[in-house]
Amino acid sequence: YTIFRLAKINTAMSEAIFIYEHITHKESSYQLEKRKYDIHDVLMLVFHEFMPDFSNKQVTIDVMDYDARVVFDFTVIRFIFYHLIANAEKYIKPNSVLRVMFSEDADSNIVTFLMTSYHIYSEDLEKIYNEGYSGKIAVEQKTAGQGLGMYLVNIMVKLHNAKLIIKPGDEVRKTGNIAYSENEFILHIPKQKT
C-alpha cells in the first residue's frame, strides 16, 4: 500500500511540474514526442497507483483487453489518464464498477470511461473546464478539490490535438442524499496521418 501511495504522489508531483513548465514558459513550449505505445499498458500503469483507493471504496475495475499499439505522446496521455482516474476515484459510487473500453474510428483511437458517479448537471458541464470550478455535488459533499483537474486535462487535450467528450447520464438515482448517474468520459486520440 505504501509503495502504491508513494508512486501516486511521485506521479502527481511530476505532472504538476510538467504542467507548470508548460503553462508558465510559453517560449519553451512542450514539444510532443509521439511514438507507438500499448495504450492498455499505459492506462494500467496509471490505474495501479489508484488501486488501493478503489479497493477501499469496493469499486471493481473492468478494463477491456486491447492489444493495439497507438501513436501518442506518453507524458501528455498519461497526464490525461491520471486526472480522469483521479476524478473517477473521488466521485464514483462505492460498490460499483468502473468500465474502460477501447475502440477506433477512421480518425481516432478512442478510450471510454463508463461509471456510476456524481450526477453532472448542465451547469456543471458548461463550467467543467473553468479553472477553480468544482461540480455542485462535489461542493455539497465536501469532496471537491481545487477545481484544477479538468481545467488541466483540457489544456493537455488541446496540446495533443485530442478531444474529450463528456456524456452525463440522463437517469438520476439517489443514494442517501447523493445523486448519481451513468456518466461517460470519451477520449479521442487522433490517428497519425501517413
C-alpha atoms as a PDB file:
ATOM      1  CA  TYR A   1       0.000   0.000   0.000  1.00  0.00           C
ATOM      2  CA  THR A   2       2.806   2.412   0.905  1.00  0.00           C
ATOM      3  CA  ILE A   3       4.626   1.732  -2.374  1.00  0.00           C
ATOM      4  CA  PHE A   4       1.444   2.429  -4.366  1.00  0.00           C
ATOM      5  CA  ARG A   5       0.867   5.610  -2.345  1.00  0.00           C
ATOM      6  CA  LEU A   6       4.436   6.817  -2.973  1.00  0.00           C
ATOM      7  CA  ALA A   7       4.135   6.053  -6.700  1.00  0.00           C
ATOM      8  CA  LYS A   8       0.920   8.055  -6.848  1.00  0.00           C
ATOM      9  CA  ILE A   9       2.490  11.017  -5.038  1.00  0.00           C
ATOM     10  CA  ASN A  10       5.550  10.855  -7.309  1.00  0.00           C
ATOM     11  CA  THR A  11       3.380  10.873 -10.444  1.00  0.00           C
ATOM     12  CA  ALA A  12       1.289  13.762  -9.114  1.00  0.00           C
ATOM     13  CA  MET A  13       4.441  15.782  -8.407  1.00  0.00           C
ATOM     14  CA  SER A  14       5.977  15.130 -11.822  1.00  0.00           C
ATOM     15  CA  GLU A  15       2.683  16.011 -13.524  1.00  0.00           C
ATOM     16  CA  ALA A  16       2.455  19.259 -11.528  1.00  0.00           C
ATOM     17  CA  ILE A  17       5.988  20.255 -12.548  1.00  0.00           C
ATOM     18  CA  PHE A  18       5.254  19.385 -16.175  1.00  0.00           C
ATOM     19  CA  ILE A  19       2.060  21.442 -16.349  1.00  0.00           C
ATOM     20  CA  TYR A  20       3.679  24.381 -14.517  1.00  0.00           C
ATOM     21  CA  GLU A  21       6.519  24.426 -17.049  1.00  0.00           C
ATOM     22  CA  HIS A  22       4.109  24.235 -19.961  1.00  0.00           C
ATOM     23  CA  ILE A  23       1.785  26.999 -18.738  1.00  0.00           C
ATOM     24  CA  THR A  24       4.395  29.445 -17.459  1.00  0.00           C
ATOM     25  CA  HIS A  25       7.065  29.117 -20.165  1.00  0.00           C
ATOM     26  CA  LYS A  26       5.289  29.535 -23.461  1.00  0.00           C
ATOM     27  CA  GLU A  27       8.545  30.377 -25.220  1.00  0.00           C
ATOM     28  CA  SER A  28       9.839  26.900 -24.308  1.00  0.00           C
ATOM     29  CA  SER A  29       6.537  25.225 -25.109  1.00  0.00           C
ATOM     30  CA  TYR A  30       6.437  21.462 -24.765  1.00  0.00           C
ATOM     31  CA  GLN A  31       7.257  19.577 -27.939  1.00  0.00           C
ATOM     32  CA  LEU A  32       5.178  16.463 -28.444  1.00  0.00           C
ATOM     33  CA  GLU A  33       7.135  13.235 -28.879  1.00  0.00           C
ATOM     34  CA  LYS A  34       4.646  10.834 -30.417  1.00  0.00           C
ATOM     35  CA  ARG A  35       5.614   7.175 -30.534  1.00  0.00           C
ATOM     36  CA  LYS A  36       3.809   3.855 -30.604  1.00  0.00           C
ATOM     37  CA  TYR A  37       2.729   2.533 -27.202  1.00  0.00           C
ATOM     38  CA  ASP A  38       0.483  -0.228 -25.959  1.00  0.00           C
ATOM     39  CA  ILE A  39      -2.321   2.057 -24.762  1.00  0.00           C
ATOM     40  CA  HIS A  40      -3.769  -0.635 -22.484  1.00  0.00           C
ATOM     41  CA  ASP A  41      -0.427  -0.929 -20.662  1.00  0.00           C
ATOM     42  CA  VAL A  42      -0.106   2.838 -20.243  1.00  0.00           C
ATOM     43  CA  LEU A  43      -3.626   3.051 -18.824  1.00  0.00           C
ATOM     44  CA  MET A  44      -2.980   0.167 -16.395  1.00  0.00           C
ATOM     45  CA  LEU A  45       0.291   1.774 -15.306  1.00  0.00           C
ATOM     46  CA  VAL A  46      -1.742   4.734 -14.054  1.00  0.00           C
ATOM     47  CA  PHE A  47      -4.593   2.618 -12.673  1.00  0.00           C
ATOM     48  CA  HIS A  48      -2.239   0.623 -10.435  1.00  0.00           C
ATOM     49  CA  GLU A  49      -1.384   3.753  -8.478  1.00  0.00           C
ATOM     50  CA  PHE A  50      -5.062   4.150  -7.563  1.00  0.00           C
ATOM     51  CA  MET A  51      -5.934   0.512  -6.819  1.00  0.00           C
ATOM     52  CA  PRO A  52      -5.809   0.831  -3.005  1.00  0.00           C
ATOM     53  CA  ASP A  53      -8.214   3.800  -3.173  1.00  0.00           C
ATOM     54  CA  PHE A  54     -10.657   1.965  -5.440  1.00  0.00           C
ATOM     55  CA  SER A  55     -10.406  -1.117  -3.206  1.00  0.00           C
ATOM     56  CA  ASN A  56     -11.279   0.975  -0.155  1.00  0.00           C
ATOM     57  CA  LYS A  57     -14.485   2.021  -1.932  1.00  0.00           C
ATOM     58  CA  GLN A  58     -15.077  -1.576  -3.094  1.00  0.00           C
ATOM     59  CA  VAL A  59     -15.077  -0.431  -6.708  1.00  0.00           C
ATOM     60  CA  THR A  60     -14.452  -3.074  -9.379  1.00  0.00           C
ATOM     61  CA  ILE A  61     -12.201  -2.037 -12.276  1.00  0.00           C
ATOM     62  CA  ASP A  62     -13.187  -3.702 -15.562  1.00  0.00           C
ATOM     63  CA  VAL A  63     -10.732  -2.809 -18.329  1.00  0.00           C
ATOM     64  CA  MET A  64     -11.320  -4.329 -21.753  1.00  0.00           C
ATOM     65  CA  ASP A  65      -8.472  -6.356 -23.229  1.00  0.00           C
ATOM     66  CA  TYR A  66      -6.841  -4.455 -26.047  1.00  0.00           C
ATOM     67  CA  ASP A  67      -3.501  -5.089 -27.704  1.00  0.00           C
ATOM     68  CA  ALA A  68      -3.319  -2.331 -30.318  1.00  0.00           C
ATOM     69  CA  ARG A  69      -0.310  -0.059 -30.297  1.00  0.00           C
ATOM     70  CA  VAL A  70      -1.313   3.580 -30.617  1.00  0.00           C
ATOM     71  CA  VAL A  71       0.771   6.632 -31.549  1.00  0.00           C
ATOM     72  CA  PHE A  72       0.697   9.341 -28.876  1.00  0.00           C
ATOM     73  CA  ASP A  73       2.844  11.462 -26.576  1.00  0.00           C
ATOM     74  CA  PHE A  74       3.361   9.359 -23.450  1.00  0.00           C
ATOM     75  CA  THR A  75       3.663  12.259 -20.991  1.00  0.00           C
ATOM     76  CA  VAL A  76       0.524  14.055 -22.181  1.00  0.00           C
ATOM     77  CA  ILE A  77      -1.714  10.985 -22.430  1.00  0.00           C
ATOM     78  CA  ARG A  78      -0.513   9.668 -19.067  1.00  0.00           C
ATOM     79  CA  PHE A  79      -1.319  13.084 -17.601  1.00  0.00           C
ATOM     80  CA  ILE A  80      -4.869  12.936 -19.025  1.00  0.00           C
ATOM     81  CA  PHE A  81      -5.378   9.366 -17.772  1.00  0.00           C
ATOM     82  CA  TYR A  82      -4.059  10.315 -14.332  1.00  0.00           C
ATOM     83  CA  HIS A  83      -6.552  13.141 -13.848  1.00  0.00           C
ATOM     84  CA  LEU A  84      -9.519  11.253 -15.314  1.00  0.00           C
ATOM     85  CA  ILE A  85      -8.806   8.317 -12.998  1.00  0.00           C
ATOM     86  CA  ALA A  86      -8.205  10.617 -10.008  1.00  0.00           C
ATOM     87  CA  ASN A  87     -11.622  12.216 -10.597  1.00  0.00           C
ATOM     88  CA  ALA A  88     -13.229   8.796 -11.039  1.00  0.00           C
ATOM     89  CA  GLU A  89     -11.755   7.636  -7.735  1.00  0.00           C
ATOM     90  CA  LYS A  90     -13.115  10.709  -5.938  1.00  0.00           C
ATOM     91  CA  TYR A  91     -16.609  10.788  -7.409  1.00  0.00           C
ATOM     92  CA  ILE A  92     -17.509   7.183  -8.269  1.00  0.00           C
ATOM     93  CA  LYS A  93     -20.257   5.454  -6.342  1.00  0.00           C
ATOM     94  CA  PRO A  94     -18.898   2.964  -3.778  1.00  0.00           C
ATOM     95  CA  ASN A  95     -19.581  -0.722  -4.552  1.00  0.00           C
ATOM     96  CA  SER A  96     -19.928  -0.003  -8.278  1.00  0.00           C
ATOM     97  CA  VAL A  97     -17.985  -0.804 -11.456  1.00  0.00           C
ATOM     98  CA  LEU A  98     -15.663   1.417 -13.477  1.00  0.00           C
ATOM     99  CA  ARG A  99     -15.516   0.145 -17.060  1.00  0.00           C
ATOM    100  CA  VAL A 100     -12.934   1.179 -19.637  1.00  0.00           C
ATOM    101  CA  MET A 101     -13.427   0.300 -23.298  1.00  0.00           C
ATOM    102  CA  PHE A 102     -11.225   0.798 -26.352  1.00  0.00           C
ATOM    103  CA  SER A 103     -12.361   1.348 -29.926  1.00  0.00           C
ATOM    104  CA  GLU A 104     -11.437   3.305 -33.006  1.00  0.00           C
ATOM    105  CA  ASP A 105     -12.940   5.102 -35.955  1.00  0.00           C
ATOM    106  CA  ALA A 106     -11.375   6.429 -39.151  1.00  0.00           C
ATOM    107  CA  ASP A 107      -9.732   9.368 -37.389  1.00  0.00           C
ATOM    108  CA  SER A 108      -9.195   8.405 -33.752  1.00  0.00           C
ATOM    109  CA  ASN A 109      -8.324   5.790 -31.206  1.00  0.00           C
ATOM    110  CA  ILE A 110     -10.999   6.014 -28.517  1.00  0.00           C
ATOM    111  CA  VAL A 111     -10.847   5.301 -24.790  1.00  0.00           C
ATOM    112  CA  THR A 112     -14.208   5.347 -22.980  1.00  0.00           C
ATOM    113  CA  PHE A 113     -14.581   5.506 -19.194  1.00  0.00           C
ATOM    114  CA  LEU A 114     -18.080   4.489 -18.030  1.00  0.00           C
ATOM    115  CA  MET A 115     -19.068   4.748 -14.384  1.00  0.00           C
ATOM    116  CA  THR A 116     -21.816   5.487 -11.903  1.00  0.00           C
ATOM    117  CA  SER A 117     -20.601   8.729 -10.374  1.00  0.00           C
ATOM    118  CA  TYR A 118     -21.866  12.075  -9.111  1.00  0.00           C
ATOM    119  CA  HIS A 119     -24.524  13.375 -11.468  1.00  0.00           C
ATOM    120  CA  ILE A 120     -23.206  16.082 -13.790  1.00  0.00           C
ATOM    121  CA  TYR A 121     -25.738  18.908 -14.001  1.00  0.00           C
ATOM    122  CA  SER A 122     -25.979  21.050 -17.130  1.00  0.00           C
ATOM    123  CA  GLU A 123     -24.364  23.992 -15.327  1.00  0.00           C
ATOM    124  CA  ASP A 124     -21.502  21.702 -14.280  1.00  0.00           C
ATOM    125  CA  LEU A 125     -20.973  20.612 -17.875  1.00  0.00           C
ATOM    126  CA  GLU A 126     -20.841  24.222 -19.058  1.00  0.00           C
ATOM    127  CA  LYS A 127     -18.190  25.162 -16.484  1.00  0.00           C
ATOM    128  CA  ILE A 128     -16.283  21.892 -16.057  1.00  0.00           C
ATOM    129  CA  TYR A 129     -13.143  23.204 -17.792  1.00  0.00           C
ATOM    130  CA  ASN A 130     -13.105  26.531 -15.934  1.00  0.00           C
ATOM    131  CA  GLU A 131     -10.147  26.978 -13.628  1.00  0.00           C
ATOM    132  CA  GLY A 132     -11.241  26.660  -9.993  1.00  0.00           C
ATOM    133  CA  TYR A 133     -14.690  25.196 -10.769  1.00  0.00           C
ATOM    134  CA  SER A 134     -15.988  22.191  -8.833  1.00  0.00           C
ATOM    135  CA  GLY A 135     -19.251  20.378  -9.511  1.00  0.00           C
ATOM    136  CA  LYS A 136     -22.373  21.076  -7.487  1.00  0.00           C
ATOM    137  CA  ILE A 137     -22.478  17.693  -5.723  1.00  0.00           C
ATOM    138  CA  ALA A 138     -18.722  17.673  -5.035  1.00  0.00           C
ATOM    139  CA  VAL A 139     -19.116  21.026  -3.263  1.00  0.00           C
ATOM    140  CA  GLU A 140     -22.156  19.801  -1.313  1.00  0.00           C
ATOM    141  CA  GLN A 141     -20.370  16.605  -0.246  1.00  0.00           C
ATOM    142  CA  LYS A 142     -17.117  18.434   0.562  1.00  0.00           C
ATOM    143  CA  THR A 143     -15.185  16.167  -1.829  1.00  0.00           C
ATOM    144  CA  ALA A 144     -14.243  18.959  -4.235  1.00  0.00           C
ATOM    145  CA  GLY A 145     -10.593  19.603  -4.900  1.00  0.00           C
ATOM    146  CA  GLN A 146      -9.175  22.902  -6.102  1.00  0.00           C
ATOM    147  CA  GLY A 147     -11.062  22.768  -9.390  1.00  0.00           C
ATOM    148  CA  LEU A 148      -7.880  22.235 -11.389  1.00  0.00           C
ATOM    149  CA  GLY A 149      -8.127  18.630 -12.639  1.00  0.00           C
ATOM    150  CA  MET A 150     -10.440  19.096 -15.623  1.00  0.00           C
ATOM    151  CA  TYR A 151      -9.014  22.553 -16.350  1.00  0.00           C
ATOM    152  CA  LEU A 152      -5.557  20.981 -16.734  1.00  0.00           C
ATOM    153  CA  VAL A 153      -6.926  17.993 -18.651  1.00  0.00           C
ATOM    154  CA  ASN A 154      -8.454  20.412 -21.156  1.00  0.00           C
ATOM    155  CA  ILE A 155      -5.077  22.101 -21.671  1.00  0.00           C
ATOM    156  CA  MET A 156      -3.409  18.740 -22.320  1.00  0.00           C
ATOM    157  CA  VAL A 157      -6.209  17.545 -24.610  1.00  0.00           C
ATOM    158  CA  LYS A 158      -5.760  20.671 -26.748  1.00  0.00           C
ATOM    159  CA  LEU A 159      -1.963  20.330 -26.697  1.00  0.00           C
ATOM    160  CA  HIS A 160      -2.287  16.807 -28.118  1.00  0.00           C
ATOM    161  CA  ASN A 161      -4.998  17.878 -30.599  1.00  0.00           C
ATOM    162  CA  ALA A 162      -7.236  15.275 -28.969  1.00  0.00           C
ATOM    163  CA  LYS A 163     -10.883  15.548 -27.946  1.00  0.00           C
ATOM    164  CA  LEU A 164     -12.680  14.722 -24.694  1.00  0.00           C
ATOM    165  CA  ILE A 165     -16.432  14.221 -24.827  1.00  0.00           C
ATOM    166  CA  ILE A 166     -18.371  14.084 -21.562  1.00  0.00           C
ATOM    167  CA  LYS A 167     -21.798  12.440 -21.673  1.00  0.00           C
ATOM    168  CA  PRO A 168     -23.700  12.854 -18.397  1.00  0.00           C
ATOM    169  CA  GLY A 169     -26.292  10.206 -17.664  1.00  0.00           C
ATOM    170  CA  ASP A 170     -29.942  11.210 -18.015  1.00  0.00           C
ATOM    171  CA  GLU A 171     -31.297   8.991 -15.263  1.00  0.00           C
ATOM    172  CA  VAL A 172     -30.531  10.265 -11.762  1.00  0.00           C
ATOM    173  CA  ARG A 173     -30.532   7.778  -8.889  1.00  0.00           C
ATOM    174  CA  LYS A 174     -30.123   8.864  -5.311  1.00  0.00           C
ATOM    175  CA  THR A 175     -28.181   7.004  -2.664  1.00  0.00           C
ATOM    176  CA  GLY A 176     -28.855   8.812   0.579  1.00  0.00           C
ATOM    177  CA  ASN A 177     -28.658  12.460  -0.411  1.00  0.00           C
ATOM    178  CA  ILE A 178     -26.161  11.956  -3.270  1.00  0.00           C
ATOM    179  CA  ALA A 179     -27.412  11.987  -6.872  1.00  0.00           C
ATOM    180  CA  TYR A 180     -25.617   9.546  -9.175  1.00  0.00           C
ATOM    181  CA  SER A 181     -25.897   8.798 -12.880  1.00  0.00           C
ATOM    182  CA  GLU A 182     -24.152   6.696 -15.531  1.00  0.00           C
ATOM    183  CA  ASN A 183     -21.521   9.049 -16.925  1.00  0.00           C
ATOM    184  CA  GLU A 184     -19.190   8.584 -19.879  1.00  0.00           C
ATOM    185  CA  PHE A 185     -15.845  10.264 -20.483  1.00  0.00           C
ATOM    186  CA  ILE A 186     -14.701   9.573 -24.041  1.00  0.00           C
ATOM    187  CA  LEU A 187     -11.158  10.429 -25.095  1.00  0.00           C
ATOM    188  CA  HIS A 188     -10.427  10.606 -28.841  1.00  0.00           C
ATOM    189  CA  ILE A 189      -6.713  10.396 -29.628  1.00  0.00           C
ATOM    190  CA  PRO A 190      -6.131  11.438 -33.253  1.00  0.00           C
ATOM    191  CA  LYS A 191      -4.528   8.890 -35.530  1.00  0.00           C
ATOM    192  CA  GLN A 192      -1.318   9.874 -37.242  1.00  0.00           C
ATOM    193  CA  LYS A 193      -1.769  10.692 -40.910  1.00  0.00           C
ATOM    194  CA  THR A 194       0.545   8.633 -43.092  1.00  0.00           C
END
